[in-house]
Amino acid sequence: MLYNLSKLAPELREQIESSPKWRKFFSEKPDTMLRLDGNAKTIKGNAKGFKTAILYLVPADMAGVNICAMAELALCKKPCLNTAGRGAMSNVQMARLRKTLFLLQHEAEAIAMIKRDIARFDAQCMREGFTLLVRLNGTSDIRFENYGIIQAFPHIQFYDYTKLANRKNIPANYDLTFSYSGAPQFRRFVEMAKGNGMRLAVVFRDRRIVDRMLANGEQFESMPLVDGDDTDIRHLDPHGTIVALYAKGKAKQDTSGFVVG
């Protein structure tokens, strides 16, 4: 196989190695790394003239290397939105795992493929009259400002959600929204993000809570709310606001403090 599977969980490695289908799959490179308008939320941005290309990897340590440094501290590993929608399907998870291993183990080639994907989608969007947005951390939290990808496309707006409040040397075309968790041990990072003037994405228990708070002009963390599920065009939201989201997938049952309400 093309990838070293030794760091995977034993049951996952066994699933791959015992299946001719998956052995073949993990003996090949991905055809593409990014997907264009791959979910219902980003498609909503079409009405505002944007299309979004997203890189989906497997989160936390599913690939044997932790690519979400705050996953344990913020208690977001279990309710991760990686499980929402099509992400709960095994073939989707395997595709994300292969992309993650490709990036971790064949970094230069993976980055070159990401750049080709972005250039291709940029040209497509220009032909179709749209503006391209790029989100590299669809289900991960990697410091992509250190990979040279964003800097290679200064005319393209990149954005991400992150639980890393201390990110530095951020390119001007890279917009970051801090991902909130109410876990007590994560509090100092929330305060750091607020002190840095970042907007905060907060996952509430269900849509009714979000609708009520928006209708009543309520605040959270002494900050005004904006509807985060209207679109995923975060760079247009003001800094110092709460991006109100609602729980999906396994997150609906979360009681860790990651989900509010």
C-alpha atoms as a PDB file:
ATOM      1  CA  MET A   1       0.000   0.000   0.000  1.00  0.00           C
ATOM      2  CA  LEU A   2       1.011   3.595  -0.586  1.00  0.00           C
ATOM      3  CA  TYR A   3       0.467   4.657   3.025  1.00  0.00           C
ATOM      4  CA  ASN A   4       1.915   3.656   6.380  1.00  0.00           C
ATOM      5  CA  LEU A   5      -1.063   2.512   8.458  1.00  0.00           C
ATOM      6  CA  SER A   6       0.903   1.583  11.572  1.00  0.00           C
ATOM      7  CA  LYS A   7      -0.366   4.539  13.629  1.00  0.00           C
ATOM      8  CA  LEU A   8      -4.044   3.899  12.929  1.00  0.00           C
ATOM      9  CA  ALA A   9      -6.319   2.352  15.530  1.00  0.00           C
ATOM     10  CA  PRO A  10      -5.965  -1.465  15.278  1.00  0.00           C
ATOM     11  CA  GLU A  11      -9.593  -2.034  14.284  1.00  0.00           C
ATOM     12  CA  LEU A  12      -9.382   0.573  11.523  1.00  0.00           C
ATOM     13  CA  ARG A  13      -6.118  -0.840  10.217  1.00  0.00           C
ATOM     14  CA  GLU A  14      -7.661  -4.320  10.230  1.00  0.00           C
ATOM     15  CA  GLN A  15     -10.683  -3.049   8.303  1.00  0.00           C
ATOM     16  CA  ILE A  16      -8.421  -1.667   5.579  1.00  0.00           C
ATOM     17  CA  GLU A  17      -5.925  -4.511   5.384  1.00  0.00           C
ATOM     18  CA  SER A  18      -8.554  -7.274   5.327  1.00  0.00           C
ATOM     19  CA  SER A  19     -10.603  -5.735   2.508  1.00  0.00           C
ATOM     20  CA  PRO A  20      -9.486  -5.955  -1.146  1.00  0.00           C
ATOM     21  CA  LYS A  21     -11.558  -2.820  -1.821  1.00  0.00           C
ATOM     22  CA  TRP A  22      -9.827  -0.734   0.822  1.00  0.00           C
ATOM     23  CA  ARG A  23      -6.374  -2.206   0.166  1.00  0.00           C
ATOM     24  CA  LYS A  24      -6.688  -1.033  -3.432  1.00  0.00           C
ATOM     25  CA  PHE A  25      -8.088   2.329  -2.328  1.00  0.00           C
ATOM     26  CA  PHE A  26      -5.150   2.962  -0.004  1.00  0.00           C
ATOM     27  CA  SER A  27      -2.699   1.916  -2.697  1.00  0.00           C
ATOM     28  CA  GLU A  28      -3.683   4.941  -4.776  1.00  0.00           C
ATOM     29  CA  LYS A  29      -3.408   8.715  -4.496  1.00  0.00           C
ATOM     30  CA  PRO A  30      -6.481  10.948  -4.324  1.00  0.00           C
ATOM     31  CA  ASP A  31      -7.593  12.445  -7.616  1.00  0.00           C
ATOM     32  CA  THR A  32      -8.330  15.736  -5.894  1.00  0.00           C
ATOM     33  CA  MET A  33      -7.984  17.193  -2.410  1.00  0.00           C
ATOM     34  CA  LEU A  34     -10.655  19.908  -2.321  1.00  0.00           C
ATOM     35  CA  ARG A  35     -14.361  19.786  -3.103  1.00  0.00           C
ATOM     36  CA  LEU A  36     -16.325  22.729  -4.496  1.00  0.00           C
ATOM     37  CA  ASP A  37     -19.632  23.543  -2.756  1.00  0.00           C
ATOM     38  CA  GLY A  38     -19.672  20.134  -1.098  1.00  0.00           C
ATOM     39  CA  ASN A  39     -22.354  20.853   1.494  1.00  0.00           C
ATOM     40  CA  ALA A  40     -25.731  22.546   1.737  1.00  0.00           C
ATOM     41  CA  LYS A  41     -24.450  25.408   3.873  1.00  0.00           C
ATOM     42  CA  THR A  42     -21.712  26.570   1.513  1.00  0.00           C
ATOM     43  CA  ILE A  43     -24.109  26.281  -1.438  1.00  0.00           C
ATOM     44  CA  LYS A  44     -26.186  29.012   0.229  1.00  0.00           C
ATOM     45  CA  GLY A  45     -23.305  31.358  -0.562  1.00  0.00           C
ATOM     46  CA  ASN A  46     -24.047  31.013  -4.278  1.00  0.00           C
ATOM     47  CA  ALA A  47     -26.880  33.509  -3.891  1.00  0.00           C
ATOM     48  CA  LYS A  48     -24.327  36.076  -2.689  1.00  0.00           C
ATOM     49  CA  GLY A  49     -21.957  35.374  -5.577  1.00  0.00           C
ATOM     50  CA  PHE A  50     -19.540  33.003  -3.808  1.00  0.00           C
ATOM     51  CA  LYS A  51     -18.528  29.386  -4.273  1.00  0.00           C
ATOM     52  CA  THR A  52     -16.505  27.591  -1.606  1.00  0.00           C
ATOM     53  CA  ALA A  53     -13.797  24.950  -1.994  1.00  0.00           C
ATOM     54  CA  ILE A  54     -13.188  22.908   1.168  1.00  0.00           C
ATOM     55  CA  LEU A  55     -10.551  20.403   2.237  1.00  0.00           C
ATOM     56  CA  TYR A  56     -12.058  17.678   4.431  1.00  0.00           C
ATOM     57  CA  LEU A  57      -9.667  15.558   6.486  1.00  0.00           C
ATOM     58  CA  VAL A  58     -10.307  13.213   9.408  1.00  0.00           C
ATOM     59  CA  PRO A  59     -10.114  15.208  12.642  1.00  0.00           C
ATOM     60  CA  ALA A  60      -8.120  14.878  15.863  1.00  0.00           C
ATOM     61  CA  ASP A  61      -5.945  11.725  15.913  1.00  0.00           C
ATOM     62  CA  MET A  62      -8.017   9.487  13.632  1.00  0.00           C
ATOM     63  CA  ALA A  63      -5.079   9.286  11.208  1.00  0.00           C
ATOM     64  CA  GLY A  64      -2.623   8.500  14.005  1.00  0.00           C
ATOM     65  CA  VAL A  65      -1.330  12.076  14.239  1.00  0.00           C
ATOM     66  CA  ASN A  66      -3.256  14.759  16.116  1.00  0.00           C
ATOM     67  CA  ILE A  67      -4.211  17.500  13.640  1.00  0.00           C
ATOM     68  CA  CYS A  68      -6.615  19.188  16.075  1.00  0.00           C
ATOM     69  CA  ALA A  69      -4.356  20.261  18.924  1.00  0.00           C
ATOM     70  CA  MET A  70      -7.200  21.422  21.184  1.00  0.00           C
ATOM     71  CA  ALA A  71      -9.572  18.514  20.594  1.00  0.00           C
ATOM     72  CA  GLU A  72      -9.051  16.930  23.999  1.00  0.00           C
ATOM     73  CA  LEU A  73      -8.916  20.169  25.983  1.00  0.00           C
ATOM     74  CA  ALA A  74     -12.019  21.638  24.325  1.00  0.00           C
ATOM     75  CA  LEU A  75     -13.892  18.306  24.556  1.00  0.00           C
ATOM     76  CA  CYS A  76     -14.892  18.566  20.896  1.00  0.00           C
ATOM     77  CA  LYS A  77     -13.415  15.271  19.704  1.00  0.00           C
ATOM     78  CA  LYS A  78     -16.527  13.157  20.343  1.00  0.00           C
ATOM     79  CA  PRO A  79     -19.186  15.595  19.065  1.00  0.00           C
ATOM     80  CA  CYS A  80     -17.057  16.754  16.111  1.00  0.00           C
ATOM     81  CA  LEU A  81     -19.077  17.976  13.149  1.00  0.00           C
ATOM     82  CA  ASN A  82     -17.096  15.470  11.096  1.00  0.00           C
ATOM     83  CA  THR A  83     -20.027  13.159  11.911  1.00  0.00           C
ATOM     84  CA  ALA A  84     -22.673  15.471  10.445  1.00  0.00           C
ATOM     85  CA  GLY A  85     -24.475  14.589   7.225  1.00  0.00           C
ATOM     86  CA  ARG A  86     -22.511  12.555   4.685  1.00  0.00           C
ATOM     87  CA  GLY A  87     -19.503  12.581   7.021  1.00  0.00           C
ATOM     88  CA  ALA A  88     -21.066   9.683   8.947  1.00  0.00           C
ATOM     89  CA  MET A  89     -20.760   7.346   5.921  1.00  0.00           C
ATOM     90  CA  SER A  90     -17.833   4.932   5.884  1.00  0.00           C
ATOM     91  CA  ASN A  91     -16.813   5.631   2.296  1.00  0.00           C
ATOM     92  CA  VAL A  92     -16.666   9.363   3.047  1.00  0.00           C
ATOM     93  CA  GLN A  93     -14.555   8.723   6.148  1.00  0.00           C
ATOM     94  CA  MET A  94     -12.168   6.513   4.191  1.00  0.00           C
ATOM     95  CA  ALA A  95     -11.761   9.172   1.496  1.00  0.00           C
ATOM     96  CA  ARG A  96     -10.985  11.755   4.175  1.00  0.00           C
ATOM     97  CA  LEU A  97      -8.550   9.385   5.853  1.00  0.00           C
ATOM     98  CA  ARG A  98      -6.677   8.804   2.593  1.00  0.00           C
ATOM     99  CA  LYS A  99      -6.391  12.555   2.001  1.00  0.00           C
ATOM    100  CA  THR A 100      -5.108  13.023   5.541  1.00  0.00           C
ATOM    101  CA  LEU A 101      -2.475  10.318   5.150  1.00  0.00           C
ATOM    102  CA  PHE A 102      -1.522  11.759   1.764  1.00  0.00           C
ATOM    103  CA  LEU A 103      -0.942  15.178   3.363  1.00  0.00           C
ATOM    104  CA  LEU A 104       0.923  13.761   6.358  1.00  0.00           C
ATOM    105  CA  GLN A 105       3.091  11.271   4.483  1.00  0.00           C
ATOM    106  CA  HIS A 106       3.454  12.864   1.019  1.00  0.00           C
ATOM    107  CA  GLU A 107       3.276  16.515   2.011  1.00  0.00           C
ATOM    108  CA  ALA A 108       4.959  18.180  -0.979  1.00  0.00           C
ATOM    109  CA  GLU A 109       2.833  16.264  -3.470  1.00  0.00           C
ATOM    110  CA  ALA A 110      -0.350  16.895  -1.483  1.00  0.00           C
ATOM    111  CA  ILE A 111       0.309  20.628  -1.268  1.00  0.00           C
ATOM    112  CA  ALA A 112       0.967  20.756  -5.003  1.00  0.00           C
ATOM    113  CA  MET A 113      -2.367  19.014  -5.599  1.00  0.00           C
ATOM    114  CA  ILE A 114      -4.169  21.454  -3.283  1.00  0.00           C
ATOM    115  CA  LYS A 115      -2.692  24.362  -5.229  1.00  0.00           C
ATOM    116  CA  ARG A 116      -3.790  22.801  -8.529  1.00  0.00           C
ATOM    117  CA  ASP A 117      -7.299  22.312  -7.164  1.00  0.00           C
ATOM    118  CA  ILE A 118      -7.490  25.939  -6.054  1.00  0.00           C
ATOM    119  CA  ALA A 119      -6.237  27.246  -9.399  1.00  0.00           C
ATOM    120  CA  ARG A 120      -8.733  25.042 -11.248  1.00  0.00           C
ATOM    121  CA  PHE A 121     -11.682  26.097  -9.086  1.00  0.00           C
ATOM    122  CA  ASP A 122     -10.630  29.745  -9.318  1.00  0.00           C
ATOM    123  CA  ALA A 123     -10.688  29.577 -13.112  1.00  0.00           C
ATOM    124  CA  GLN A 124     -14.047  27.784 -13.034  1.00  0.00           C
ATOM    125  CA  CYS A 125     -15.572  30.389 -10.725  1.00  0.00           C
ATOM    126  CA  MET A 126     -14.331  33.247 -12.902  1.00  0.00           C
ATOM    127  CA  ARG A 127     -15.914  31.628 -15.972  1.00  0.00           C
ATOM    128  CA  GLU A 128     -19.205  31.219 -14.125  1.00  0.00           C
ATOM    129  CA  GLY A 129     -19.213  34.693 -12.587  1.00  0.00           C
ATOM    130  CA  PHE A 130     -18.573  33.637  -8.981  1.00  0.00           C
ATOM    131  CA  THR A 131     -15.933  34.566  -6.417  1.00  0.00           C
ATOM    132  CA  LEU A 132     -14.008  31.627  -4.961  1.00  0.00           C
ATOM    133  CA  LEU A 133     -13.595  31.157  -1.215  1.00  0.00           C
ATOM    134  CA  VAL A 134     -11.310  28.444   0.194  1.00  0.00           C
ATOM    135  CA  ARG A 135     -11.583  26.686   3.555  1.00  0.00           C
ATOM    136  CA  LEU A 136      -8.651  24.343   4.205  1.00  0.00           C
ATOM    137  CA  ASN A 137      -9.769  23.142   7.648  1.00  0.00           C
ATOM    138  CA  GLY A 138     -13.177  21.683   6.871  1.00  0.00           C
ATOM    139  CA  THR A 139     -12.830  19.124   9.667  1.00  0.00           C
ATOM    140  CA  SER A 140      -9.317  19.772  10.996  1.00  0.00           C
ATOM    141  CA  ASP A 141      -7.362  22.533  12.746  1.00  0.00           C
ATOM    142  CA  ILE A 142      -4.000  22.778  11.014  1.00  0.00           C
ATOM    143  CA  ARG A 143      -1.942  25.990  10.942  1.00  0.00           C
ATOM    144  CA  PHE A 144      -2.174  26.268   7.154  1.00  0.00           C
ATOM    145  CA  GLU A 145      -0.582  29.724   7.239  1.00  0.00           C
ATOM    146  CA  ASN A 146       2.704  27.794   7.496  1.00  0.00           C
ATOM    147  CA  TYR A 147       2.316  25.780   4.276  1.00  0.00           C
ATOM    148  CA  GLY A 148       2.650  28.502   1.621  1.00  0.00           C
ATOM    149  CA  ILE A 149      -0.712  27.694   0.067  1.00  0.00           C
ATOM    150  CA  ILE A 150      -2.571  30.825   1.131  1.00  0.00           C
ATOM    151  CA  GLN A 151       0.334  33.085   0.226  1.00  0.00           C
ATOM    152  CA  ALA A 152       0.375  31.610  -3.303  1.00  0.00           C
ATOM    153  CA  PHE A 153      -3.097  33.015  -4.010  1.00  0.00           C
ATOM    154  CA  PRO A 154      -3.210  36.559  -2.566  1.00  0.00           C
ATOM    155  CA  HIS A 155      -6.319  37.419  -4.641  1.00  0.00           C
ATOM    156  CA  ILE A 156      -8.362  34.583  -3.089  1.00  0.00           C
ATOM    157  CA  GLN A 157     -10.108  34.829   0.285  1.00  0.00           C
ATOM    158  CA  PHE A 158      -9.298  31.904   2.597  1.00  0.00           C
ATOM    159  CA  TYR A 159     -11.087  31.321   5.894  1.00  0.00           C
ATOM    160  CA  ASP A 160     -11.267  28.774   8.700  1.00  0.00           C
ATOM    161  CA  TYR A 161     -12.684  28.028  12.123  1.00  0.00           C
ATOM    162  CA  THR A 162     -10.011  27.345  14.731  1.00  0.00           C
ATOM    163  CA  LYS A 163      -9.591  26.564  18.420  1.00  0.00           C
ATOM    164  CA  LEU A 164      -6.042  27.912  18.323  1.00  0.00           C
ATOM    165  CA  ALA A 165      -6.241  31.429  19.762  1.00  0.00           C
ATOM    166  CA  ASN A 166      -2.508  32.146  19.437  1.00  0.00           C
ATOM    167  CA  ARG A 167      -2.041  31.880  15.676  1.00  0.00           C
ATOM    168  CA  LYS A 168       0.420  34.455  14.335  1.00  0.00           C
ATOM    169  CA  ASN A 169       1.712  35.760  11.005  1.00  0.00           C
ATOM    170  CA  ILE A 170      -1.710  35.297   9.422  1.00  0.00           C
ATOM    171  CA  PRO A 171      -1.805  36.369   5.755  1.00  0.00           C
ATOM    172  CA  ALA A 172      -4.137  39.281   4.966  1.00  0.00           C
ATOM    173  CA  ASN A 173      -6.332  36.990   2.845  1.00  0.00           C
ATOM    174  CA  TYR A 174      -6.863  34.432   5.642  1.00  0.00           C
ATOM    175  CA  ASP A 175      -9.840  35.048   7.939  1.00  0.00           C
ATOM    176  CA  LEU A 176     -10.123  33.068  11.189  1.00  0.00           C
ATOM    177  CA  THR A 177     -13.153  32.553  13.434  1.00  0.00           C
ATOM    178  CA  PHE A 178     -12.474  31.155  16.907  1.00  0.00           C
ATOM    179  CA  SER A 179     -14.426  27.982  17.720  1.00  0.00           C
ATOM    180  CA  TYR A 180     -15.916  28.244  21.216  1.00  0.00           C
ATOM    181  CA  SER A 181     -16.123  25.527  23.844  1.00  0.00           C
ATOM    182  CA  GLY A 182     -17.622  25.911  27.308  1.00  0.00           C
ATOM    183  CA  ALA A 183     -15.294  23.293  28.810  1.00  0.00           C
ATOM    184  CA  PRO A 184     -13.816  24.888  31.974  1.00  0.00           C
ATOM    185  CA  GLN A 185     -10.242  23.915  31.127  1.00  0.00           C
ATOM    186  CA  PHE A 186     -10.602  25.681  27.758  1.00  0.00           C
ATOM    187  CA  ARG A 187     -11.753  28.977  29.265  1.00  0.00           C
ATOM    188  CA  ARG A 188      -8.406  30.759  29.115  1.00  0.00           C
ATOM    189  CA  PHE A 189      -8.266  30.244  25.354  1.00  0.00           C
ATOM    190  CA  VAL A 190     -11.763  31.704  24.959  1.00  0.00           C
ATOM    191  CA  GLU A 191     -10.612  34.756  26.899  1.00  0.00           C
ATOM    192  CA  MET A 192      -7.504  34.982  24.741  1.00  0.00           C
ATOM    193  CA  ALA A 193      -9.610  34.918  21.563  1.00  0.00           C
ATOM    194  CA  LYS A 194     -11.944  37.597  22.944  1.00  0.00           C
ATOM    195  CA  GLY A 195      -8.968  39.701  23.937  1.00  0.00           C
ATOM    196  CA  ASN A 196      -7.667  39.420  20.382  1.00  0.00           C
ATOM    197  CA  GLY A 197     -10.989  40.722  19.038  1.00  0.00           C
ATOM    198  CA  MET A 198     -11.849  37.504  17.198  1.00  0.00           C
ATOM    199  CA  ARG A 199     -15.414  36.544  16.346  1.00  0.00           C
ATOM    200  CA  LEU A 200     -16.507  33.378  18.134  1.00  0.00           C
ATOM    201  CA  ALA A 201     -18.416  30.497  16.563  1.00  0.00           C
ATOM    202  CA  VAL A 202     -20.734  28.937  19.169  1.00  0.00           C
ATOM    203  CA  VAL A 203     -22.676  25.694  18.665  1.00  0.00           C
ATOM    204  CA  PHE A 204     -26.064  25.858  20.375  1.00  0.00           C
ATOM    205  CA  ARG A 205     -28.215  22.843  21.200  1.00  0.00           C
ATOM    206  CA  ASP A 206     -30.811  23.356  18.473  1.00  0.00           C
ATOM    207  CA  ARG A 207     -32.089  25.841  15.931  1.00  0.00           C
ATOM    208  CA  ARG A 208     -34.899  27.067  18.196  1.00  0.00           C
ATOM    209  CA  ILE A 209     -32.401  28.485  20.685  1.00  0.00           C
ATOM    210  CA  VAL A 210     -30.591  30.339  17.916  1.00  0.00           C
ATOM    211  CA  ASP A 211     -33.835  31.691  16.427  1.00  0.00           C
ATOM    212  CA  ARG A 212     -35.018  32.929  19.835  1.00  0.00           C
ATOM    213  CA  MET A 213     -31.757  34.665  20.649  1.00  0.00           C
ATOM    214  CA  LEU A 214     -31.557  36.324  17.239  1.00  0.00           C
ATOM    215  CA  ALA A 215     -35.195  37.444  17.399  1.00  0.00           C
ATOM    216  CA  ASN A 216     -34.763  38.945  20.875  1.00  0.00           C
ATOM    217  CA  GLY A 217     -31.408  40.540  20.188  1.00  0.00           C
ATOM    218  CA  GLU A 218     -29.814  38.484  22.975  1.00  0.00           C
ATOM    219  CA  GLN A 219     -26.079  38.383  23.541  1.00  0.00           C
ATOM    220  CA  PHE A 220     -23.702  35.589  24.482  1.00  0.00           C
ATOM    221  CA  GLU A 221     -20.381  36.242  26.216  1.00  0.00           C
ATOM    222  CA  SER A 222     -21.475  39.919  26.139  1.00  0.00           C
ATOM    223  CA  MET A 223     -21.229  39.862  22.351  1.00  0.00           C
ATOM    224  CA  PRO A 224     -23.994  40.315  19.724  1.00  0.00           C
ATOM    225  CA  LEU A 225     -25.084  37.323  17.628  1.00  0.00           C
ATOM    226  CA  VAL A 226     -25.091  36.796  13.870  1.00  0.00           C
ATOM    227  CA  ASP A 227     -26.704  33.816  12.144  1.00  0.00           C
ATOM    228  CA  GLY A 228     -23.890  31.414  11.288  1.00  0.00           C
ATOM    229  CA  ASP A 229     -26.084  28.944   9.430  1.00  0.00           C
ATOM    230  CA  ASP A 230     -27.397  31.460   6.935  1.00  0.00           C
ATOM    231  CA  THR A 231     -24.212  30.978   4.902  1.00  0.00           C
ATOM    232  CA  ASP A 232     -20.599  30.011   5.609  1.00  0.00           C
ATOM    233  CA  ILE A 233     -19.223  33.345   4.376  1.00  0.00           C
ATOM    234  CA  ARG A 234     -17.509  34.208   7.637  1.00  0.00           C
ATOM    235  CA  HIS A 235     -15.151  36.926   6.430  1.00  0.00           C
ATOM    236  CA  LEU A 236     -18.118  39.279   5.970  1.00  0.00           C
ATOM    237  CA  ASP A 237     -19.193  38.920   9.618  1.00  0.00           C
ATOM    238  CA  PRO A 238     -17.969  41.653  11.983  1.00  0.00           C
ATOM    239  CA  HIS A 239     -15.202  40.833  14.426  1.00  0.00           C
ATOM    240  CA  GLY A 240     -16.255  40.740  18.061  1.00  0.00           C
ATOM    241  CA  THR A 241     -19.511  38.924  17.313  1.00  0.00           C
ATOM    242  CA  ILE A 242     -20.909  35.484  18.089  1.00  0.00           C
ATOM    243  CA  VAL A 243     -21.479  33.307  15.023  1.00  0.00           C
ATOM    244  CA  ALA A 244     -24.489  31.283  16.171  1.00  0.00           C
ATOM    245  CA  LEU A 245     -24.530  27.688  14.889  1.00  0.00           C
ATOM    246  CA  TYR A 246     -26.695  24.760  15.943  1.00  0.00           C
ATOM    247  CA  ALA A 247     -25.714  21.185  16.722  1.00  0.00           C
ATOM    248  CA  LYS A 248     -25.704  18.500  14.027  1.00  0.00           C
ATOM    249  CA  GLY A 249     -24.818  14.801  14.008  1.00  0.00           C
ATOM    250  CA  LYS A 250     -23.506  13.396  17.289  1.00  0.00           C
ATOM    251  CA  ALA A 251     -23.129  16.934  18.628  1.00  0.00           C
ATOM    252  CA  LYS A 252     -26.870  17.005  19.360  1.00  0.00           C
ATOM    253  CA  GLN A 253     -26.259  14.638  22.324  1.00  0.00           C
ATOM    254  CA  ASP A 254     -23.139  16.387  23.604  1.00  0.00           C
ATOM    255  CA  THR A 255     -23.069  17.280  27.305  1.00  0.00           C
ATOM    256  CA  SER A 256     -19.379  18.205  27.619  1.00  0.00           C
ATOM    257  CA  GLY A 257     -19.833  21.968  27.386  1.00  0.00           C
ATOM    258  CA  PHE A 258     -18.811  22.155  23.740  1.00  0.00           C
ATOM    259  CA  VAL A 259     -22.499  22.502  22.789  1.00  0.00           C
ATOM    260  CA  VAL A 260     -24.396  25.296  24.560  1.00  0.00           C
ATOM    261  CA  GLY A 261     -27.980  25.043  25.802  1.00  0.00           C
END
